[in-house]
């Protein structure tokens, strides 16, 4: 029986719980709650303090601005950590956590589930093993924040509140993560962020990043206000252009030729795959990819030019 602690029992935590239940192992899942009146979710066991309870690992999935507090608390108890992206919302006091994690030898993983998307796995294999000459990369991810959580006023959720770690650059951290995972760290980078759309929210609702590599430049555009969701990568090679559609799970050329396609795929499978991967790492006592320390360079790009 694997004992899992959940910090933050919101929508993303429930996706992780569903993923855990789909795995072959048996789990006993606990949620640390702040109120004695907290409602119960399925067969998750509510607890109200940690005391001397032993856990095999913890999932940190509360609002981003609270991550630092709980990473510090749980790392001090040497509990392995599965941390929802981004790991933290600020670069302040990073050394404190890095030193603690190293001292306690805590196994950490920052959960960027799109690394398990079949299109990105296909790209990773191609880029790592073939000498593909790239001239330009354009990444775009836009969706409609009011549609993210039906039944809730979008202006009251954490995404709309910068003090809670909200902002499109943090919510859509995946794009920066997978670009640096696929193509490595850029030589130089810069960003432009603002919030002037008709959403009228306080957090950043538009972000544009420019990443300079030796032989090509990457542009990443993120927004909260696009009515019809779009999540695509355009890779301009010297002889052909690939269009990677992460919603429809396909890679096609400008001429419409199919390079790669998965017709029967649901994004929920990525949550299952990454938890299975993390648990396997714990079993063999190996450090997962994208540890807390590994995730810092992407976080620095994400937070570039923050006030």
C-alpha atoms as a PDB file:
ATOM      1  CA  UNK A   1       0.000   0.000   0.000  1.00  0.00           C
ATOM      2  CA  UNK A   2       1.436   3.361  -1.076  1.00  0.00           C
ATOM      3  CA  UNK A   3       0.537   6.240   1.236  1.00  0.00           C
ATOM      4  CA  UNK A   4       0.127   9.583  -0.549  1.00  0.00           C
ATOM      5  CA  UNK A   5      -0.402  13.003   0.986  1.00  0.00           C
ATOM      6  CA  UNK A   6      -2.275  15.663  -1.000  1.00  0.00           C
ATOM      7  CA  UNK A   7      -1.711  19.359  -0.292  1.00  0.00           C
ATOM      8  CA  UNK A   8      -4.539  21.325  -1.875  1.00  0.00           C
ATOM      9  CA  UNK A   9      -7.669  19.406  -2.871  1.00  0.00           C
ATOM     10  CA  UNK A  10      -8.722  21.442  -5.911  1.00  0.00           C
ATOM     11  CA  UNK A  11      -9.354  20.525  -9.534  1.00  0.00           C
ATOM     12  CA  UNK A  12      -5.762  19.608 -10.381  1.00  0.00           C
ATOM     13  CA  UNK A  13      -5.447  17.445  -7.248  1.00  0.00           C
ATOM     14  CA  UNK A  14      -8.578  15.554  -8.282  1.00  0.00           C
ATOM     15  CA  UNK A  15      -6.981  14.843 -11.673  1.00  0.00           C
ATOM     16  CA  UNK A  16      -3.958  13.397  -9.876  1.00  0.00           C
ATOM     17  CA  UNK A  17      -6.203  11.313  -7.615  1.00  0.00           C
ATOM     18  CA  UNK A  18      -8.045   9.918 -10.657  1.00  0.00           C
ATOM     19  CA  UNK A  19      -4.679   9.099 -12.212  1.00  0.00           C
ATOM     20  CA  UNK A  20      -3.507   7.334  -9.054  1.00  0.00           C
ATOM     21  CA  UNK A  21      -6.677   5.242  -8.965  1.00  0.00           C
ATOM     22  CA  UNK A  22      -6.041   4.122 -12.558  1.00  0.00           C
ATOM     23  CA  UNK A  23      -2.625   2.647 -11.722  1.00  0.00           C
ATOM     24  CA  UNK A  24      -2.085  -0.968 -10.737  1.00  0.00           C
ATOM     25  CA  UNK A  25      -0.734  -0.171  -7.274  1.00  0.00           C
ATOM     26  CA  UNK A  26      -2.947   0.267  -4.227  1.00  0.00           C
ATOM     27  CA  UNK A  27      -2.993   3.727  -2.637  1.00  0.00           C
ATOM     28  CA  UNK A  28      -4.109   5.185   0.650  1.00  0.00           C
ATOM     29  CA  UNK A  29      -4.633   8.885  -0.025  1.00  0.00           C
ATOM     30  CA  UNK A  30      -4.654  11.597   2.633  1.00  0.00           C
ATOM     31  CA  UNK A  31      -5.476  15.299   2.253  1.00  0.00           C
ATOM     32  CA  UNK A  32      -4.131  17.901   4.661  1.00  0.00           C
ATOM     33  CA  UNK A  33      -7.090  20.186   5.396  1.00  0.00           C
ATOM     34  CA  UNK A  34      -7.121  23.567   7.082  1.00  0.00           C
ATOM     35  CA  UNK A  35     -10.685  23.413   8.428  1.00  0.00           C
ATOM     36  CA  UNK A  36     -12.331  20.800  10.625  1.00  0.00           C
ATOM     37  CA  UNK A  37     -15.485  21.365   8.555  1.00  0.00           C
ATOM     38  CA  UNK A  38     -13.743  20.464   5.298  1.00  0.00           C
ATOM     39  CA  UNK A  39     -15.884  18.253   3.073  1.00  0.00           C
ATOM     40  CA  UNK A  40     -14.795  14.732   2.231  1.00  0.00           C
ATOM     41  CA  UNK A  41     -13.791  13.787  -1.314  1.00  0.00           C
ATOM     42  CA  UNK A  42     -14.427  10.181  -2.324  1.00  0.00           C
ATOM     43  CA  UNK A  43     -12.405   7.902  -0.026  1.00  0.00           C
ATOM     44  CA  UNK A  44      -9.614  10.420   0.578  1.00  0.00           C
ATOM     45  CA  UNK A  45      -8.825  10.632   4.293  1.00  0.00           C
ATOM     46  CA  UNK A  46      -8.912  14.145   5.723  1.00  0.00           C
ATOM     47  CA  UNK A  47      -6.136  14.967   8.201  1.00  0.00           C
ATOM     48  CA  UNK A  48      -5.543  18.234  10.014  1.00  0.00           C
ATOM     49  CA  UNK A  49      -1.908  17.965  11.074  1.00  0.00           C
ATOM     50  CA  UNK A  50       1.097  15.924  10.042  1.00  0.00           C
ATOM     51  CA  UNK A  51       2.301  14.751  13.456  1.00  0.00           C
ATOM     52  CA  UNK A  52       4.401  11.632  12.906  1.00  0.00           C
ATOM     53  CA  UNK A  53       2.343  10.231  10.032  1.00  0.00           C
ATOM     54  CA  UNK A  54       4.490   8.451   7.428  1.00  0.00           C
ATOM     55  CA  UNK A  55       3.923   9.047   3.707  1.00  0.00           C
ATOM     56  CA  UNK A  56       5.623   7.540   0.684  1.00  0.00           C
ATOM     57  CA  UNK A  57       5.314  10.867  -1.139  1.00  0.00           C
ATOM     58  CA  UNK A  58       3.331  14.078  -1.210  1.00  0.00           C
ATOM     59  CA  UNK A  59       1.582  15.881  -4.058  1.00  0.00           C
ATOM     60  CA  UNK A  60       1.726  19.666  -3.715  1.00  0.00           C
ATOM     61  CA  UNK A  61      -1.189  21.018  -5.746  1.00  0.00           C
ATOM     62  CA  UNK A  62      -2.407  24.039  -3.796  1.00  0.00           C
ATOM     63  CA  UNK A  63      -2.248  27.624  -5.180  1.00  0.00           C
ATOM     64  CA  UNK A  64       1.257  28.413  -6.383  1.00  0.00           C
ATOM     65  CA  UNK A  65       1.942  31.141  -3.830  1.00  0.00           C
ATOM     66  CA  UNK A  66       1.671  28.498  -1.063  1.00  0.00           C
ATOM     67  CA  UNK A  67       4.121  26.031  -2.615  1.00  0.00           C
ATOM     68  CA  UNK A  68       7.215  27.459  -0.929  1.00  0.00           C
ATOM     69  CA  UNK A  69       5.708  26.985   2.539  1.00  0.00           C
ATOM     70  CA  UNK A  70       4.796  23.346   1.965  1.00  0.00           C
ATOM     71  CA  UNK A  71       7.917  22.372   0.045  1.00  0.00           C
ATOM     72  CA  UNK A  72       9.906  23.647   3.014  1.00  0.00           C
ATOM     73  CA  UNK A  73       7.669  21.903   5.567  1.00  0.00           C
ATOM     74  CA  UNK A  74       7.586  18.521   3.826  1.00  0.00           C
ATOM     75  CA  UNK A  75      11.238  18.548   2.731  1.00  0.00           C
ATOM     76  CA  UNK A  76      12.211  19.103   6.362  1.00  0.00           C
ATOM     77  CA  UNK A  77      10.441  15.785   7.066  1.00  0.00           C
ATOM     78  CA  UNK A  78      12.292  14.097   4.158  1.00  0.00           C
ATOM     79  CA  UNK A  79       9.042  13.345   2.308  1.00  0.00           C
ATOM     80  CA  UNK A  80       9.505  12.858  -1.463  1.00  0.00           C
ATOM     81  CA  UNK A  81       7.709  15.614  -3.386  1.00  0.00           C
ATOM     82  CA  UNK A  82       5.609  15.638  -6.545  1.00  0.00           C
ATOM     83  CA  UNK A  83       5.137  19.380  -7.106  1.00  0.00           C
ATOM     84  CA  UNK A  84       2.569  20.804  -9.490  1.00  0.00           C
ATOM     85  CA  UNK A  85       4.107  23.283 -11.935  1.00  0.00           C
ATOM     86  CA  UNK A  86       5.475  25.864 -11.527  1.00  0.00           C
ATOM     87  CA  UNK A  87       7.303  24.836  -8.385  1.00  0.00           C
ATOM     88  CA  UNK A  88       7.157  28.356  -6.904  1.00  0.00           C
ATOM     89  CA  UNK A  89       5.901  31.750  -8.080  1.00  0.00           C
ATOM     90  CA  UNK A  90       8.944  33.808  -7.119  1.00  0.00           C
ATOM     91  CA  UNK A  91      12.724  33.587  -7.292  1.00  0.00           C
ATOM     92  CA  UNK A  92      13.042  34.840  -3.716  1.00  0.00           C
ATOM     93  CA  UNK A  93      14.780  32.518  -1.236  1.00  0.00           C
ATOM     94  CA  UNK A  94      15.308  29.716  -3.755  1.00  0.00           C
ATOM     95  CA  UNK A  95      18.634  28.780  -2.173  1.00  0.00           C
ATOM     96  CA  UNK A  96      16.846  28.036   1.103  1.00  0.00           C
ATOM     97  CA  UNK A  97      14.760  25.303  -0.525  1.00  0.00           C
ATOM     98  CA  UNK A  98      17.559  24.014  -2.739  1.00  0.00           C
ATOM     99  CA  UNK A  99      19.866  23.614   0.266  1.00  0.00           C
ATOM    100  CA  UNK A 100      17.148  21.937   2.332  1.00  0.00           C
ATOM    101  CA  UNK A 101      16.205  19.492  -0.430  1.00  0.00           C
ATOM    102  CA  UNK A 102      19.870  18.616  -0.929  1.00  0.00           C
ATOM    103  CA  UNK A 103      20.542  18.243   2.792  1.00  0.00           C
ATOM    104  CA  UNK A 104      17.535  15.972   3.312  1.00  0.00           C
ATOM    105  CA  UNK A 105      18.150  14.118   0.017  1.00  0.00           C
ATOM    106  CA  UNK A 106      14.505  14.622  -0.985  1.00  0.00           C
ATOM    107  CA  UNK A 107      13.410  13.187  -4.325  1.00  0.00           C
ATOM    108  CA  UNK A 108      11.545  15.955  -6.157  1.00  0.00           C
ATOM    109  CA  UNK A 109       9.670  16.162  -9.437  1.00  0.00           C
ATOM    110  CA  UNK A 110       7.977  19.253 -10.901  1.00  0.00           C
ATOM    111  CA  UNK A 111       4.870  17.998 -12.679  1.00  0.00           C
ATOM    112  CA  UNK A 112       4.874  19.144 -16.292  1.00  0.00           C
ATOM    113  CA  UNK A 113       2.550  16.527 -17.728  1.00  0.00           C
ATOM    114  CA  UNK A 114       2.904  17.669 -21.349  1.00  0.00           C
ATOM    115  CA  UNK A 115       6.323  16.008 -21.422  1.00  0.00           C
ATOM    116  CA  UNK A 116       4.258  12.806 -21.662  1.00  0.00           C
ATOM    117  CA  UNK A 117       2.193  14.027 -24.628  1.00  0.00           C
ATOM    118  CA  UNK A 118       2.845  11.670 -27.574  1.00  0.00           C
ATOM    119  CA  UNK A 119       3.597  14.531 -29.995  1.00  0.00           C
ATOM    120  CA  UNK A 120       6.229  15.977 -27.677  1.00  0.00           C
ATOM    121  CA  UNK A 121       7.708  12.537 -27.000  1.00  0.00           C
ATOM    122  CA  UNK A 122       7.963  12.050 -30.788  1.00  0.00           C
ATOM    123  CA  UNK A 123       9.677  15.440 -31.162  1.00  0.00           C
ATOM    124  CA  UNK A 124      12.068  14.677 -28.308  1.00  0.00           C
ATOM    125  CA  UNK A 125      13.212  11.457 -29.992  1.00  0.00           C
ATOM    126  CA  UNK A 126      13.650  13.175 -33.370  1.00  0.00           C
ATOM    127  CA  UNK A 127      15.554  16.171 -32.003  1.00  0.00           C
ATOM    128  CA  UNK A 128      17.825  14.067 -29.797  1.00  0.00           C
ATOM    129  CA  UNK A 129      18.692  11.554 -32.493  1.00  0.00           C
ATOM    130  CA  UNK A 130      18.570  13.387 -35.816  1.00  0.00           C
ATOM    131  CA  UNK A 131      20.526  16.397 -37.035  1.00  0.00           C
ATOM    132  CA  UNK A 132      17.521  18.568 -37.890  1.00  0.00           C
ATOM    133  CA  UNK A 133      18.453  22.098 -38.955  1.00  0.00           C
ATOM    134  CA  UNK A 134      15.953  24.524 -37.409  1.00  0.00           C
ATOM    135  CA  UNK A 135      15.573  28.152 -38.522  1.00  0.00           C
ATOM    136  CA  UNK A 136      12.679  29.309 -36.334  1.00  0.00           C
ATOM    137  CA  UNK A 137      10.178  28.078 -33.741  1.00  0.00           C
ATOM    138  CA  UNK A 138       6.846  29.727 -32.935  1.00  0.00           C
ATOM    139  CA  UNK A 139       4.832  28.512 -29.936  1.00  0.00           C
ATOM    140  CA  UNK A 140       1.276  29.659 -29.252  1.00  0.00           C
ATOM    141  CA  UNK A 141      -1.053  28.751 -26.403  1.00  0.00           C
ATOM    142  CA  UNK A 142      -4.298  30.627 -25.948  1.00  0.00           C
ATOM    143  CA  UNK A 143      -7.530  29.682 -24.211  1.00  0.00           C
ATOM    144  CA  UNK A 144     -10.483  31.346 -22.484  1.00  0.00           C
ATOM    145  CA  UNK A 145     -10.026  31.714 -18.718  1.00  0.00           C
ATOM    146  CA  UNK A 146     -13.790  32.135 -18.045  1.00  0.00           C
ATOM    147  CA  UNK A 147     -14.292  28.612 -19.439  1.00  0.00           C
ATOM    148  CA  UNK A 148     -11.626  26.963 -17.290  1.00  0.00           C
ATOM    149  CA  UNK A 149     -13.820  26.294 -14.265  1.00  0.00           C
ATOM    150  CA  UNK A 150     -17.528  26.288 -15.196  1.00  0.00           C
ATOM    151  CA  UNK A 151     -19.824  27.532 -12.475  1.00  0.00           C
ATOM    152  CA  UNK A 152     -17.183  29.749 -10.846  1.00  0.00           C
ATOM    153  CA  UNK A 153     -16.622  33.460 -11.347  1.00  0.00           C
ATOM    154  CA  UNK A 154     -13.267  33.462 -13.135  1.00  0.00           C
ATOM    155  CA  UNK A 155     -12.339  36.762 -11.503  1.00  0.00           C
ATOM    156  CA  UNK A 156     -12.354  35.049  -8.108  1.00  0.00           C
ATOM    157  CA  UNK A 157     -10.134  32.082  -8.942  1.00  0.00           C
ATOM    158  CA  UNK A 158      -6.418  32.149  -8.199  1.00  0.00           C
ATOM    159  CA  UNK A 159      -5.494  32.502 -11.886  1.00  0.00           C
ATOM    160  CA  UNK A 160      -6.922  36.040 -11.894  1.00  0.00           C
ATOM    161  CA  UNK A 161      -5.131  37.014  -8.673  1.00  0.00           C
ATOM    162  CA  UNK A 162      -1.387  37.757  -8.901  1.00  0.00           C
ATOM    163  CA  UNK A 163      -1.045  37.627  -5.101  1.00  0.00           C
ATOM    164  CA  UNK A 164      -2.064  33.956  -5.240  1.00  0.00           C
ATOM    165  CA  UNK A 165       0.432  33.122  -7.972  1.00  0.00           C
ATOM    166  CA  UNK A 166      -2.001  33.691 -10.819  1.00  0.00           C
ATOM    167  CA  UNK A 167      -1.077  34.790 -14.303  1.00  0.00           C
ATOM    168  CA  UNK A 168      -0.993  33.220 -17.749  1.00  0.00           C
ATOM    169  CA  UNK A 169       2.805  32.887 -17.659  1.00  0.00           C
ATOM    170  CA  UNK A 170       2.563  30.704 -14.543  1.00  0.00           C
ATOM    171  CA  UNK A 171      -0.572  28.755 -15.520  1.00  0.00           C
ATOM    172  CA  UNK A 172       0.859  28.005 -18.962  1.00  0.00           C
ATOM    173  CA  UNK A 173       4.370  27.320 -17.720  1.00  0.00           C
ATOM    174  CA  UNK A 174       4.254  24.127 -19.812  1.00  0.00           C
ATOM    175  CA  UNK A 175       5.249  25.974 -22.964  1.00  0.00           C
ATOM    176  CA  UNK A 176       8.503  27.279 -21.474  1.00  0.00           C
ATOM    177  CA  UNK A 177       9.170  23.901 -19.889  1.00  0.00           C
ATOM    178  CA  UNK A 178       8.762  21.819 -23.032  1.00  0.00           C
ATOM    179  CA  UNK A 179      10.673  24.275 -25.221  1.00  0.00           C
ATOM    180  CA  UNK A 180      13.697  24.086 -22.915  1.00  0.00           C
ATOM    181  CA  UNK A 181      13.261  20.321 -22.521  1.00  0.00           C
ATOM    182  CA  UNK A 182      13.218  19.807 -26.281  1.00  0.00           C
ATOM    183  CA  UNK A 183      15.757  22.384 -27.408  1.00  0.00           C
ATOM    184  CA  UNK A 184      17.860  23.117 -24.319  1.00  0.00           C
ATOM    185  CA  UNK A 185      18.514  26.367 -22.520  1.00  0.00           C
ATOM    186  CA  UNK A 186      18.691  29.496 -24.695  1.00  0.00           C
ATOM    187  CA  UNK A 187      21.751  31.742 -24.881  1.00  0.00           C
ATOM    188  CA  UNK A 188      19.609  34.825 -24.226  1.00  0.00           C
ATOM    189  CA  UNK A 189      15.951  35.435 -23.461  1.00  0.00           C
ATOM    190  CA  UNK A 190      13.541  38.250 -22.819  1.00  0.00           C
ATOM    191  CA  UNK A 191       9.847  38.720 -22.205  1.00  0.00           C
ATOM    192  CA  UNK A 192       6.974  41.162 -22.472  1.00  0.00           C
ATOM    193  CA  UNK A 193       3.890  40.785 -20.265  1.00  0.00           C
ATOM    194  CA  UNK A 194       0.763  42.832 -19.727  1.00  0.00           C
ATOM    195  CA  UNK A 195      -2.914  42.741 -18.770  1.00  0.00           C
ATOM    196  CA  UNK A 196      -5.076  44.964 -20.934  1.00  0.00           C
ATOM    197  CA  UNK A 197      -7.610  42.552 -22.448  1.00  0.00           C
ATOM    198  CA  UNK A 198     -11.388  42.656 -22.064  1.00  0.00           C
ATOM    199  CA  UNK A 199     -11.098  40.101 -19.238  1.00  0.00           C
ATOM    200  CA  UNK A 200     -10.240  43.046 -16.954  1.00  0.00           C
ATOM    201  CA  UNK A 201      -8.277  40.983 -14.426  1.00  0.00           C
ATOM    202  CA  UNK A 202      -5.305  41.965 -12.259  1.00  0.00           C
ATOM    203  CA  UNK A 203      -3.025  39.084 -13.222  1.00  0.00           C
ATOM    204  CA  UNK A 204      -0.999  38.897 -16.434  1.00  0.00           C
ATOM    205  CA  UNK A 205      -3.224  37.737 -19.303  1.00  0.00           C
ATOM    206  CA  UNK A 206      -0.710  38.051 -22.159  1.00  0.00           C
ATOM    207  CA  UNK A 207       2.939  37.022 -22.242  1.00  0.00           C
ATOM    208  CA  UNK A 208       5.433  36.961 -25.088  1.00  0.00           C
ATOM    209  CA  UNK A 209       8.873  35.384 -24.735  1.00  0.00           C
ATOM    210  CA  UNK A 210      11.802  35.493 -27.145  1.00  0.00           C
ATOM    211  CA  UNK A 211      14.461  32.797 -26.664  1.00  0.00           C
ATOM    212  CA  UNK A 212      17.694  33.063 -28.630  1.00  0.00           C
ATOM    213  CA  UNK A 213      19.542  29.871 -29.548  1.00  0.00           C
ATOM    214  CA  UNK A 214      22.757  29.576 -31.560  1.00  0.00           C
ATOM    215  CA  UNK A 215      21.081  28.898 -34.910  1.00  0.00           C
ATOM    216  CA  UNK A 216      17.436  29.861 -34.405  1.00  0.00           C
ATOM    217  CA  UNK A 217      15.039  31.974 -32.387  1.00  0.00           C
ATOM    218  CA  UNK A 218      11.930  30.820 -30.514  1.00  0.00           C
ATOM    219  CA  UNK A 219       8.846  32.915 -29.853  1.00  0.00           C
ATOM    220  CA  UNK A 220       6.338  31.854 -27.170  1.00  0.00           C
ATOM    221  CA  UNK A 221       2.959  33.625 -26.947  1.00  0.00           C
ATOM    222  CA  UNK A 222       0.528  32.871 -24.115  1.00  0.00           C
ATOM    223  CA  UNK A 223      -2.914  34.315 -23.381  1.00  0.00           C
ATOM    224  CA  UNK A 224      -6.049  33.841 -21.279  1.00  0.00           C
ATOM    225  CA  UNK A 225      -8.609  35.372 -23.681  1.00  0.00           C
ATOM    226  CA  UNK A 226      -8.775  33.265 -26.856  1.00  0.00           C
ATOM    227  CA  UNK A 227     -12.309  31.868 -27.154  1.00  0.00           C
ATOM    228  CA  UNK A 228     -11.368  28.781 -29.194  1.00  0.00           C
ATOM    229  CA  UNK A 229      -8.392  27.124 -27.552  1.00  0.00           C
ATOM    230  CA  UNK A 230      -5.222  26.757 -29.598  1.00  0.00           C
ATOM    231  CA  UNK A 231      -2.007  25.041 -28.498  1.00  0.00           C
ATOM    232  CA  UNK A 232       0.482  24.670 -31.310  1.00  0.00           C
ATOM    233  CA  UNK A 233       4.177  24.667 -32.179  1.00  0.00           C
ATOM    234  CA  UNK A 234       5.454  25.714 -35.594  1.00  0.00           C
ATOM    235  CA  UNK A 235       8.949  24.459 -36.374  1.00  0.00           C
ATOM    236  CA  UNK A 236      10.508  25.969 -39.480  1.00  0.00           C
ATOM    237  CA  UNK A 237      13.228  23.655 -40.792  1.00  0.00           C
ATOM    238  CA  UNK A 238      15.425  24.536 -43.776  1.00  0.00           C
ATOM    239  CA  UNK A 239      13.289  22.525 -46.238  1.00  0.00           C
ATOM    240  CA  UNK A 240       9.937  22.005 -44.519  1.00  0.00           C
ATOM    241  CA  UNK A 241       7.718  23.377 -41.736  1.00  0.00           C
ATOM    242  CA  UNK A 242       6.063  21.187 -39.125  1.00  0.00           C
ATOM    243  CA  UNK A 243       2.872  22.256 -37.361  1.00  0.00           C
ATOM    244  CA  UNK A 244       2.449  20.494 -34.021  1.00  0.00           C
ATOM    245  CA  UNK A 245      -1.143  20.542 -32.735  1.00  0.00           C
ATOM    246  CA  UNK A 246      -1.194  19.541 -29.066  1.00  0.00           C
ATOM    247  CA  UNK A 247      -4.989  19.617 -28.868  1.00  0.00           C
ATOM    248  CA  UNK A 248      -5.643  17.394 -31.885  1.00  0.00           C
ATOM    249  CA  UNK A 249      -2.493  15.316 -31.296  1.00  0.00           C
ATOM    250  CA  UNK A 250      -0.931  15.649 -34.715  1.00  0.00           C
ATOM    251  CA  UNK A 251       2.185  16.862 -36.514  1.00  0.00           C
ATOM    252  CA  UNK A 252       1.673  17.938 -40.124  1.00  0.00           C
ATOM    253  CA  UNK A 253       3.631  19.836 -42.761  1.00  0.00           C
ATOM    254  CA  UNK A 254       2.385  23.083 -44.292  1.00  0.00           C
ATOM    255  CA  UNK A 255       1.213  20.971 -47.226  1.00  0.00           C
ATOM    256  CA  UNK A 256      -0.930  18.833 -44.917  1.00  0.00           C
ATOM    257  CA  UNK A 257       1.242  15.725 -44.970  1.00  0.00           C
ATOM    258  CA  UNK A 258       0.961  13.801 -41.699  1.00  0.00           C
ATOM    259  CA  UNK A 259       4.290  13.333 -39.931  1.00  0.00           C
ATOM    260  CA  UNK A 260       2.798  11.881 -36.741  1.00  0.00           C
ATOM    261  CA  UNK A 261      -0.715  11.462 -35.381  1.00  0.00           C
ATOM    262  CA  UNK A 262      -2.457   9.794 -32.456  1.00  0.00           C
ATOM    263  CA  UNK A 263      -6.221   9.646 -32.966  1.00  0.00           C
ATOM    264  CA  UNK A 264      -7.222   7.886 -29.762  1.00  0.00           C
ATOM    265  CA  UNK A 265      -5.627   9.975 -27.047  1.00  0.00           C
ATOM    266  CA  UNK A 266      -6.900  11.909 -24.049  1.00  0.00           C
ATOM    267  CA  UNK A 267      -4.795  14.411 -22.128  1.00  0.00           C
ATOM    268  CA  UNK A 268      -5.728  12.631 -18.888  1.00  0.00           C
ATOM    269  CA  UNK A 269      -3.345   9.874 -19.965  1.00  0.00           C
ATOM    270  CA  UNK A 270      -0.412  12.252 -19.371  1.00  0.00           C
ATOM    271  CA  UNK A 271      -1.358  12.559 -15.699  1.00  0.00           C
ATOM    272  CA  UNK A 272      -1.345   8.793 -15.354  1.00  0.00           C
ATOM    273  CA  UNK A 273       1.967   8.458 -17.206  1.00  0.00           C
ATOM    274  CA  UNK A 274       3.826  11.039 -15.145  1.00  0.00           C
ATOM    275  CA  UNK A 275       2.654   9.594 -11.817  1.00  0.00           C
ATOM    276  CA  UNK A 276       3.623   6.114 -12.958  1.00  0.00           C
ATOM    277  CA  UNK A 277       7.029   7.479 -13.988  1.00  0.00           C
ATOM    278  CA  UNK A 278       7.535   9.242 -10.656  1.00  0.00           C
ATOM    279  CA  UNK A 279       6.520   6.210  -8.600  1.00  0.00           C
ATOM    280  CA  UNK A 280       8.883   4.005 -10.624  1.00  0.00           C
ATOM    281  CA  UNK A 281      11.709   6.460  -9.849  1.00  0.00           C
ATOM    282  CA  UNK A 282      10.909   6.212  -6.146  1.00  0.00           C
ATOM    283  CA  UNK A 283      10.914   2.419  -6.292  1.00  0.00           C
ATOM    284  CA  UNK A 284      14.399   2.233  -7.813  1.00  0.00           C
ATOM    285  CA  UNK A 285      15.644   5.280  -5.889  1.00  0.00           C
ATOM    286  CA  UNK A 286      16.583   7.279  -8.996  1.00  0.00           C
ATOM    287  CA  UNK A 287      16.253  11.035  -9.406  1.00  0.00           C
ATOM    288  CA  UNK A 288      13.424  11.906 -11.821  1.00  0.00           C
ATOM    289  CA  UNK A 289      13.870  14.328 -14.679  1.00  0.00           C
ATOM    290  CA  UNK A 290      12.738  17.870 -13.908  1.00  0.00           C
ATOM    291  CA  UNK A 291      13.615  17.923 -10.240  1.00  0.00           C
ATOM    292  CA  UNK A 292      13.034  21.120  -8.285  1.00  0.00           C
ATOM    293  CA  UNK A 293      16.589  22.176  -9.099  1.00  0.00           C
ATOM    294  CA  UNK A 294      16.219  21.207 -12.763  1.00  0.00           C
ATOM    295  CA  UNK A 295      13.101  23.378 -13.086  1.00  0.00           C
ATOM    296  CA  UNK A 296      14.777  26.616 -11.933  1.00  0.00           C
ATOM    297  CA  UNK A 297      16.221  27.704 -15.331  1.00  0.00           C
ATOM    298  CA  UNK A 298      12.745  27.510 -16.924  1.00  0.00           C
ATOM    299  CA  UNK A 299      11.310  29.368 -13.936  1.00  0.00           C
ATOM    300  CA  UNK A 300      13.866  32.147 -14.419  1.00  0.00           C
ATOM    301  CA  UNK A 301      12.751  32.500 -18.034  1.00  0.00           C
ATOM    302  CA  UNK A 302       9.094  32.476 -16.956  1.00  0.00           C
ATOM    303  CA  UNK A 303       9.647  35.256 -14.401  1.00  0.00           C
ATOM    304  CA  UNK A 304      11.936  37.402 -16.559  1.00  0.00           C
ATOM    305  CA  UNK A 305      11.153  41.110 -16.147  1.00  0.00           C
ATOM    306  CA  UNK A 306       8.820  40.510 -13.195  1.00  0.00           C
ATOM    307  CA  UNK A 307       8.232  43.642 -11.160  1.00  0.00           C
END
